Protein backbone atom coordinates (compact mmCIF):
# COMPACT_ATOMS: atom_id res chain seq x y z
CA UNK A 1 4.60 -7.28 -15.74
CA UNK A 2 6.93 -8.75 -12.73
CA UNK A 3 5.18 -10.96 -10.41
CA UNK A 4 7.39 -11.17 -7.13
CA UNK A 5 6.34 -13.77 -5.18
CA UNK A 6 8.82 -15.17 -2.19
CA UNK A 7 7.56 -16.97 0.91
CA UNK A 8 9.50 -15.84 4.42
CA UNK A 9 10.34 -18.24 7.55
CA UNK A 10 10.97 -21.69 5.50
CA UNK A 11 8.30 -21.62 3.26
CA UNK A 12 8.84 -22.02 -0.53
CA UNK A 13 5.91 -20.70 -2.59
CA UNK A 14 4.83 -23.85 -4.67
CA UNK A 15 3.51 -23.15 -8.91
CA UNK A 16 -0.55 -23.40 -7.50
CA UNK A 17 0.06 -20.87 -5.02
CA UNK A 18 2.04 -18.32 -7.56
CA UNK A 19 -0.66 -18.85 -10.57
CA UNK A 20 -3.47 -18.10 -7.72
CA UNK A 21 -1.51 -14.53 -6.17
CA UNK A 22 -0.71 -13.82 -10.15
CA UNK A 23 -4.52 -14.33 -11.30
CA UNK A 24 -6.05 -12.67 -8.37
CA UNK A 25 -3.33 -9.88 -7.96
CA UNK A 26 -3.81 -8.98 -11.72
CA UNK A 27 -7.52 -7.31 -10.94
CA UNK A 28 -5.51 -5.02 -8.98
CA UNK A 29 -3.07 -4.27 -11.61
CA UNK A 30 -5.91 -3.98 -14.61
CA UNK A 31 -7.27 -1.09 -13.05
CA UNK A 32 -4.35 0.74 -13.44
CA UNK A 33 -2.95 -0.78 -16.25
CA UNK A 34 0.46 -2.67 -17.33
CA UNK A 35 1.89 0.52 -18.41
CA UNK A 36 1.78 2.31 -14.54
CA UNK A 37 2.47 -0.70 -12.61
CA UNK A 38 5.85 -2.30 -13.25
CA UNK A 39 5.89 -4.63 -10.31
CA UNK A 40 4.03 -6.71 -7.38
CA UNK A 41 5.86 -7.75 -4.35
CA UNK A 42 3.95 -10.85 -2.78
CA UNK A 43 5.92 -12.16 0.63
CA UNK A 44 4.54 -14.88 1.82
CA UNK A 45 5.17 -16.09 5.98
CA UNK A 46 4.27 -19.30 7.96
CA UNK A 47 4.03 -18.90 11.05
CA UNK A 48 2.74 -21.75 13.72
CA UNK A 49 -0.94 -20.92 13.97
CA UNK A 50 -1.75 -18.67 10.20
CA UNK A 51 0.02 -17.72 7.65
CA UNK A 52 0.68 -14.06 6.54
CA UNK A 53 0.72 -12.41 3.37
CA UNK A 54 2.34 -8.60 2.54
CA UNK A 55 1.42 -7.33 -0.62
CA UNK A 56 3.54 -4.15 -2.12
CA UNK A 57 2.28 -2.91 -5.65
CA UNK A 58 4.98 0.38 -6.48
CA UNK A 59 2.97 2.45 -9.29
CA UNK A 60 3.73 6.10 -10.29
CA UNK A 61 3.58 8.28 -7.51
CA UNK A 62 1.75 6.25 -5.46
CA UNK A 63 2.50 3.16 -3.30
CA UNK A 64 -0.39 0.14 -2.63
CA UNK A 65 0.00 -1.77 -0.13
CA UNK A 66 -1.95 -4.69 1.73
CA UNK A 67 -1.13 -7.42 4.72
CA UNK A 68 -3.45 -9.84 5.91
CA UNK A 69 -3.17 -13.33 8.43
CA UNK A 70 -5.33 -16.04 7.27
CA UNK A 71 -5.41 -20.17 8.58
CA UNK A 72 -5.33 -20.50 4.04
CA UNK A 73 -2.47 -19.38 2.84
CA UNK A 74 -5.25 -18.81 -0.55
CA UNK A 75 -7.85 -17.18 1.77
CA UNK A 76 -5.19 -14.72 2.96
CA UNK A 77 -3.89 -13.44 -0.73
CA UNK A 78 -8.54 -13.24 -1.41
CA UNK A 79 -8.19 -11.39 1.54
CA UNK A 80 -4.89 -8.69 0.70
CA UNK A 81 -6.95 -8.63 -2.64
CA UNK A 82 -9.83 -7.39 -0.90
CA UNK A 83 -8.02 -5.51 1.27
CA UNK A 84 -6.29 -3.39 -2.07
CA UNK A 85 -9.24 -2.93 -3.95
CA UNK A 86 -11.17 -1.42 -1.14
CA UNK A 87 -8.43 1.12 -0.35
CA UNK A 88 -8.00 1.59 -4.26
CA UNK A 89 -11.83 2.69 -4.00
CA UNK A 90 -11.68 4.21 -0.70
CA UNK A 91 -8.81 6.83 -1.78
CA UNK A 92 -10.56 6.74 -5.29
CA UNK A 93 -11.70 10.49 -5.10
CA UNK A 94 -8.74 11.67 -3.15
CA UNK A 95 -6.62 10.78 -5.25
CA UNK A 96 -8.40 12.10 -8.63
CA UNK A 97 -8.55 15.38 -7.16
CA UNK A 98 -5.17 15.67 -5.21
CA UNK A 99 -3.19 14.14 -7.39
CA UNK A 100 -3.98 14.90 -11.20
CA UNK A 101 -0.22 13.44 -12.64
CA UNK A 102 0.25 11.16 -14.71
CA UNK A 103 0.00 8.19 -14.24
CA UNK A 104 -3.11 9.10 -11.57
CA UNK A 105 -5.68 10.49 -13.60
CA UNK A 106 -6.97 7.58 -16.32
CA UNK A 107 -7.22 5.13 -12.61
CA UNK A 108 -9.81 3.37 -11.63
CA UNK A 109 -11.88 2.46 -14.34
CA UNK A 110 -13.64 -0.35 -12.44
CA UNK A 111 -16.07 0.19 -9.07
CA UNK A 112 -15.20 -2.57 -6.85
CA UNK A 113 -17.40 -4.40 -3.38
CA UNK A 114 -14.86 -4.79 -0.62
CA UNK A 115 -14.79 -4.56 2.67
CA UNK A 116 -12.31 -2.86 4.76
CA UNK A 117 -10.01 -4.72 6.93
CA UNK A 118 -8.21 -3.15 9.98
CA UNK A 119 -5.17 -4.56 11.17
CA UNK A 120 -3.10 -3.56 14.77
CA UNK A 121 0.98 -3.90 14.37
CA UNK A 122 2.43 -3.52 17.68
CA UNK A 123 6.49 -3.14 17.00
CA UNK A 124 9.23 -4.71 19.67
CA UNK A 125 11.72 -3.46 18.09
CA UNK A 126 13.86 -1.59 15.06
CA UNK A 127 13.88 -4.63 11.85
CA UNK A 128 14.10 -2.19 9.20
CA UNK A 129 16.08 1.14 8.05
CA UNK A 130 13.40 2.57 4.91
CA UNK A 131 14.87 5.17 2.63
CA UNK A 132 12.14 7.48 0.98
CA UNK A 133 12.50 9.85 -1.87
CA UNK A 134 11.24 13.02 -0.14
CA UNK A 135 8.71 14.88 -3.30
CA UNK A 136 7.39 18.09 -3.14
CA UNK A 137 3.66 18.29 -2.12
CA UNK A 138 1.08 19.49 -0.59
CA UNK A 139 -0.03 18.43 3.02
CA UNK A 140 -3.24 16.87 1.34
CA UNK A 141 -1.47 14.94 -0.73
CA UNK A 142 0.46 13.82 1.61
CA UNK A 143 -2.47 12.74 3.20
CA UNK A 144 -3.97 10.87 0.63
CA UNK A 145 -0.95 9.00 -0.12
CA UNK A 146 -0.70 7.85 3.33
CA UNK A 147 -4.43 6.41 3.33
CA UNK A 148 -3.31 5.09 0.46
CA UNK A 149 -0.43 2.82 2.13
CA UNK A 150 -2.04 2.02 5.54
CA UNK A 151 0.60 3.61 7.51
CA UNK A 152 -0.24 6.18 9.98
CA UNK A 153 2.44 8.46 9.09
CA UNK A 154 4.23 10.39 6.19
CA UNK A 155 7.46 12.23 5.45
CA UNK A 156 7.14 15.00 2.60
CA UNK A 157 8.86 18.11 1.14
CA UNK A 158 5.97 20.34 1.53
CA UNK A 159 5.60 22.25 -1.91
CA UNK A 160 5.58 26.03 0.07
CA UNK A 161 8.12 26.09 2.22
CA UNK A 162 10.73 23.41 0.72
CA UNK A 163 10.94 21.51 4.15
CA UNK A 164 9.98 17.69 5.30
CA UNK A 165 7.30 17.86 7.19
CA UNK A 166 5.18 14.18 8.28
CA UNK A 167 1.79 14.06 8.40
CA UNK A 168 0.34 11.36 10.44
CA UNK A 169 -3.53 10.03 11.73
CA UNK A 170 -3.82 10.96 15.73
CA UNK A 171 -5.60 8.85 18.19
CA UNK A 172 -9.30 10.43 17.55
CA UNK A 173 -8.75 9.81 13.50
CA UNK A 174 -7.75 13.13 12.98
CA UNK A 175 -4.59 14.16 10.45
CA UNK A 176 -2.16 16.51 12.48
CA UNK A 177 1.62 17.48 10.67
CA UNK A 178 4.80 17.91 12.16
CA UNK A 179 6.84 21.10 10.28
CA UNK A 180 10.93 21.06 10.94
CA UNK A 181 12.43 23.69 11.85
CA UNK A 182 16.10 25.00 11.68
CA UNK A 183 17.99 25.95 14.58
């Protein structure tokens, strides 16, 4: 198991913060097991009025992600851990029914009592270019992965048509799919 804990904005995480993050986030890793999760990436950012923690855990067939801000770095780590556990609990049934794939069906051996945390992100400029691997799946599987990743959309390859589609969450809370066509 590899914990990659880095700082941004001139912040260098102390050994105490690194040890605390490893200890707290290892509980999420234990849910899946070390054979399913090989890496946990934690980015610690310090601003004038708050600290921000971004946790990304790539697992087989899914990615767990949490982003939390708080006045205290340790509290932000705790809240990120709680948010990840809440995501797992919320999507436990969806993953078991829709993603019966190796590494997922034996997951989730523990129940949690964590509350979901909400966050609004406002973008002002393009800051990242990301490449994604398109895997054939149904829209229901894409919705489950989108919810688990914490994003409002998910790009996937439709299992039946072999075309690229985008599933997204509408403002009213429902889901919709954008289907691509070749002209």
